[in-house]
Amino acid sequence: AVVRSFTTTAGRRSAAVPKEQIEKGYFEIRKVQEHFQKKDGKPVFLKGSAVDQVLYRITMALALVGIGGMGKLFYDLSVPKKI
């Protein structure tokens, strides 16, 4: 039988790197990651600023208008008009 082994990179880490050698952008990315991974019950697409919530609500409104328009179209096409 062929046995396949899986390895991870965790075992191959070298010694700790001093903070001075780590790029400044790394810490900024970590801060943003922590913000978006907070357990606050919000979906990730609403965890940004108020602009995210406005865009989400506009998208939902347009989707509902589109679904309503489709319903009206199906009704108009399925019910014959009385002349």
N, C-alpha and C. Protein backbone atom coordinates (compact mmCIF):
# COMPACT_ATOMS: atom_id res chain seq x y z
N ALA A 1 0.84 -1.18 0.00
CA ALA A 1 0.00 0.00 0.00
C ALA A 1 0.89 1.24 0.00
N VAL A 2 0.42 2.24 -0.69
CA VAL A 2 1.15 3.49 -0.77
C VAL A 2 0.64 4.41 0.33
N VAL A 3 1.56 4.92 1.12
CA VAL A 3 1.20 5.82 2.20
C VAL A 3 1.74 7.20 1.85
N ARG A 4 0.86 8.16 1.87
CA ARG A 4 1.25 9.53 1.56
C ARG A 4 1.33 10.32 2.87
N SER A 5 2.42 11.00 3.08
CA SER A 5 2.55 11.78 4.31
C SER A 5 2.38 13.26 3.97
N PHE A 6 1.73 13.96 4.87
CA PHE A 6 1.52 15.39 4.71
C PHE A 6 2.36 16.12 5.74
N THR A 7 2.98 17.18 5.30
CA THR A 7 3.78 17.96 6.22
C THR A 7 3.26 19.38 6.25
N THR A 8 3.59 20.06 7.31
CA THR A 8 3.23 21.47 7.43
C THR A 8 4.50 22.28 7.56
N THR A 9 4.35 23.55 7.36
CA THR A 9 5.51 24.44 7.49
C THR A 9 5.77 24.81 8.94
N ALA A 10 4.87 24.46 9.85
CA ALA A 10 5.05 24.84 11.25
C ALA A 10 6.31 24.22 11.84
N GLY A 11 6.66 23.03 11.44
CA GLY A 11 7.83 22.37 11.99
C GLY A 11 9.13 22.92 11.44
N ARG A 12 9.06 23.67 10.35
CA ARG A 12 10.28 24.15 9.69
C ARG A 12 10.57 25.61 9.98
N ARG A 13 9.92 26.19 10.95
CA ARG A 13 10.15 27.60 11.25
C ARG A 13 11.54 27.81 11.83
N SER A 14 12.13 28.90 11.45
CA SER A 14 13.45 29.22 11.99
C SER A 14 13.28 29.99 13.30
N ALA A 15 14.36 30.47 13.81
CA ALA A 15 14.33 31.21 15.07
C ALA A 15 13.50 32.47 14.90
N ALA A 16 13.03 33.00 16.01
CA ALA A 16 12.19 34.20 15.99
C ALA A 16 12.96 35.38 15.40
N VAL A 17 12.25 36.17 14.63
CA VAL A 17 12.85 37.34 13.99
C VAL A 17 12.59 38.56 14.87
N PRO A 18 13.58 39.40 15.08
CA PRO A 18 13.36 40.60 15.90
C PRO A 18 12.34 41.53 15.25
N LYS A 19 11.62 42.27 16.07
CA LYS A 19 10.58 43.17 15.58
C LYS A 19 11.13 44.22 14.62
N GLU A 20 12.37 44.60 14.79
CA GLU A 20 12.95 45.63 13.94
C GLU A 20 13.09 45.17 12.49
N GLN A 21 13.19 43.85 12.27
CA GLN A 21 13.38 43.33 10.92
C GLN A 21 12.06 43.07 10.20
N ILE A 22 10.95 43.16 10.92
CA ILE A 22 9.65 42.92 10.30
C ILE A 22 9.15 44.22 9.70
N GLU A 23 8.62 44.13 8.49
CA GLU A 23 8.11 45.31 7.80
C GLU A 23 6.95 45.95 8.58
N LYS A 24 6.85 47.28 8.50
CA LYS A 24 5.80 48.01 9.20
C LYS A 24 4.42 47.61 8.69
N GLY A 25 4.31 47.33 7.41
CA GLY A 25 3.03 46.96 6.82
C GLY A 25 2.45 45.68 7.39
N TYR A 26 3.31 44.78 7.88
CA TYR A 26 2.84 43.54 8.47
C TYR A 26 1.95 43.80 9.66
N PHE A 27 2.33 44.75 10.51
CA PHE A 27 1.55 45.05 11.70
C PHE A 27 0.25 45.73 11.34
N GLU A 28 0.24 46.53 10.28
CA GLU A 28 -1.00 47.16 9.82
C GLU A 28 -1.97 46.10 9.29
N ILE A 29 -1.44 45.14 8.56
CA ILE A 29 -2.29 44.05 8.05
C ILE A 29 -2.86 43.25 9.21
N ARG A 30 -2.05 42.98 10.21
CA ARG A 30 -2.52 42.23 11.38
C ARG A 30 -3.66 42.97 12.09
N LYS A 31 -3.54 44.30 12.17
CA LYS A 31 -4.58 45.10 12.82
C LYS A 31 -5.89 45.02 12.04
N VAL A 32 -5.81 45.08 10.72
CA VAL A 32 -7.00 44.98 9.88
C VAL A 32 -7.61 43.58 9.99
N GLN A 33 -6.76 42.56 10.01
CA GLN A 33 -7.25 41.18 10.16
C GLN A 33 -7.99 41.01 11.48
N GLU A 34 -7.44 41.55 12.54
CA GLU A 34 -8.09 41.44 13.85
C GLU A 34 -9.45 42.13 13.83
N HIS A 35 -9.54 43.27 13.14
CA HIS A 35 -10.82 43.99 13.05
C HIS A 35 -11.87 43.15 12.35
N PHE A 36 -11.51 42.52 11.24
CA PHE A 36 -12.47 41.76 10.47
C PHE A 36 -12.76 40.38 11.05
N GLN A 37 -11.92 39.88 11.95
CA GLN A 37 -12.13 38.56 12.53
C GLN A 37 -12.77 38.61 13.92
N LYS A 38 -13.15 39.82 14.37
CA LYS A 38 -13.82 39.94 15.67
C LYS A 38 -15.12 39.17 15.66
N LYS A 39 -15.46 38.56 16.76
CA LYS A 39 -16.73 37.83 16.90
C LYS A 39 -17.78 38.81 17.42
N ASP A 40 -18.38 39.58 16.51
CA ASP A 40 -19.41 40.54 16.93
C ASP A 40 -20.76 40.25 16.26
N GLY A 41 -20.88 39.13 15.57
CA GLY A 41 -22.15 38.76 14.98
C GLY A 41 -22.44 39.36 13.63
N LYS A 42 -21.60 40.27 13.17
CA LYS A 42 -21.81 40.88 11.86
C LYS A 42 -21.14 40.05 10.77
N PRO A 43 -21.75 39.99 9.59
CA PRO A 43 -21.04 39.35 8.48
C PRO A 43 -19.86 40.20 8.05
N VAL A 44 -18.88 39.58 7.43
CA VAL A 44 -17.63 40.28 7.11
C VAL A 44 -17.86 41.44 6.15
N PHE A 45 -18.87 41.35 5.29
CA PHE A 45 -19.08 42.43 4.32
C PHE A 45 -19.73 43.65 4.96
N LEU A 46 -20.12 43.59 6.23
CA LEU A 46 -20.67 44.74 6.92
C LEU A 46 -19.75 45.26 8.03
N LYS A 47 -18.56 44.68 8.16
CA LYS A 47 -17.66 45.08 9.23
C LYS A 47 -16.81 46.30 8.89
N GLY A 48 -16.92 46.80 7.70
CA GLY A 48 -16.14 47.97 7.32
C GLY A 48 -16.77 49.23 7.87
N SER A 49 -16.84 50.24 7.05
CA SER A 49 -17.38 51.52 7.50
C SER A 49 -18.87 51.60 7.20
N ALA A 50 -19.45 52.78 7.42
CA ALA A 50 -20.87 53.00 7.13
C ALA A 50 -21.15 52.89 5.64
N VAL A 51 -20.14 53.15 4.82
CA VAL A 51 -20.30 53.04 3.37
C VAL A 51 -20.67 51.61 2.98
N ASP A 52 -20.09 50.63 3.67
CA ASP A 52 -20.41 49.22 3.39
C ASP A 52 -21.89 48.95 3.65
N GLN A 53 -22.41 49.50 4.74
CA GLN A 53 -23.82 49.28 5.06
C GLN A 53 -24.73 49.95 4.05
N VAL A 54 -24.36 51.14 3.60
CA VAL A 54 -25.16 51.84 2.59
C VAL A 54 -25.16 51.06 1.29
N LEU A 55 -24.01 50.61 0.85
CA LEU A 55 -23.93 49.83 -0.39
C LEU A 55 -24.72 48.53 -0.27
N TYR A 56 -24.66 47.89 0.89
CA TYR A 56 -25.41 46.65 1.11
C TYR A 56 -26.91 46.91 0.99
N ARG A 57 -27.39 47.97 1.64
CA ARG A 57 -28.82 48.27 1.60
C ARG A 57 -29.28 48.67 0.21
N ILE A 58 -28.46 49.41 -0.52
CA ILE A 58 -28.82 49.76 -1.91
C ILE A 58 -28.89 48.50 -2.76
N THR A 59 -27.95 47.60 -2.57
CA THR A 59 -27.96 46.35 -3.33
C THR A 59 -29.20 45.53 -3.01
N MET A 60 -29.55 45.44 -1.73
CA MET A 60 -30.75 44.68 -1.35
C MET A 60 -32.00 45.33 -1.93
N ALA A 61 -32.09 46.66 -1.90
CA ALA A 61 -33.25 47.35 -2.44
C ALA A 61 -33.37 47.11 -3.94
N LEU A 62 -32.26 47.21 -4.66
CA LEU A 62 -32.31 46.97 -6.11
C LEU A 62 -32.67 45.52 -6.42
N ALA A 63 -32.19 44.60 -5.61
CA ALA A 63 -32.55 43.19 -5.82
C ALA A 63 -34.04 42.98 -5.60
N LEU A 64 -34.61 43.59 -4.58
CA LEU A 64 -36.03 43.45 -4.32
C LEU A 64 -36.87 44.09 -5.42
N VAL A 65 -36.42 45.24 -5.91
CA VAL A 65 -37.13 45.88 -7.03
C VAL A 65 -37.08 44.98 -8.26
N GLY A 66 -35.95 44.37 -8.52
CA GLY A 66 -35.82 43.46 -9.65
C GLY A 66 -36.71 42.24 -9.50
N ILE A 67 -36.78 41.67 -8.31
CA ILE A 67 -37.64 40.51 -8.07
C ILE A 67 -39.10 40.91 -8.24
N GLY A 68 -39.47 42.09 -7.73
CA GLY A 68 -40.84 42.58 -7.91
C GLY A 68 -41.17 42.80 -9.37
N GLY A 69 -40.23 43.35 -10.13
CA GLY A 69 -40.44 43.54 -11.56
C GLY A 69 -40.61 42.22 -12.30
N MET A 70 -39.86 41.23 -11.90
CA MET A 70 -40.00 39.91 -12.52
C MET A 70 -41.38 39.32 -12.20
N GLY A 71 -41.82 39.49 -10.96
CA GLY A 71 -43.15 39.00 -10.57
C GLY A 71 -44.24 39.67 -11.39
N LYS A 72 -44.13 40.99 -11.57
CA LYS A 72 -45.11 41.72 -12.39
C LYS A 72 -45.06 41.24 -13.84
N LEU A 73 -43.88 41.03 -14.37
CA LEU A 73 -43.74 40.55 -15.75
C LEU A 73 -44.39 39.17 -15.91
N PHE A 74 -44.12 38.27 -14.97
CA PHE A 74 -44.72 36.93 -15.05
C PHE A 74 -46.24 37.01 -14.96
N TYR A 75 -46.73 37.88 -14.09
CA TYR A 75 -48.19 38.04 -13.97
C TYR A 75 -48.77 38.58 -15.26
N ASP A 76 -48.17 39.63 -15.82
CA ASP A 76 -48.68 40.24 -17.06
C ASP A 76 -48.65 39.24 -18.21
N LEU A 77 -47.63 38.39 -18.27
CA LEU A 77 -47.53 37.44 -19.36
C LEU A 77 -48.46 36.23 -19.18
N SER A 78 -48.80 35.91 -17.94
CA SER A 78 -49.60 34.72 -17.71
C SER A 78 -51.11 35.01 -17.66
N VAL A 79 -51.50 36.23 -17.34
CA VAL A 79 -52.93 36.57 -17.26
C VAL A 79 -53.27 37.40 -18.49
N PRO A 80 -54.16 36.89 -19.34
CA PRO A 80 -54.51 37.63 -20.56
C PRO A 80 -55.31 38.90 -20.21
N LYS A 81 -55.04 39.93 -20.98
CA LYS A 81 -55.74 41.19 -20.76
C LYS A 81 -57.13 41.10 -21.40
N LYS A 82 -58.09 41.68 -20.72
CA LYS A 82 -59.46 41.70 -21.24
C LYS A 82 -59.61 42.91 -22.13
N ILE A 83 -60.08 42.67 -23.32
CA ILE A 83 -60.24 43.77 -24.29
C ILE A 83 -61.67 44.19 -24.40
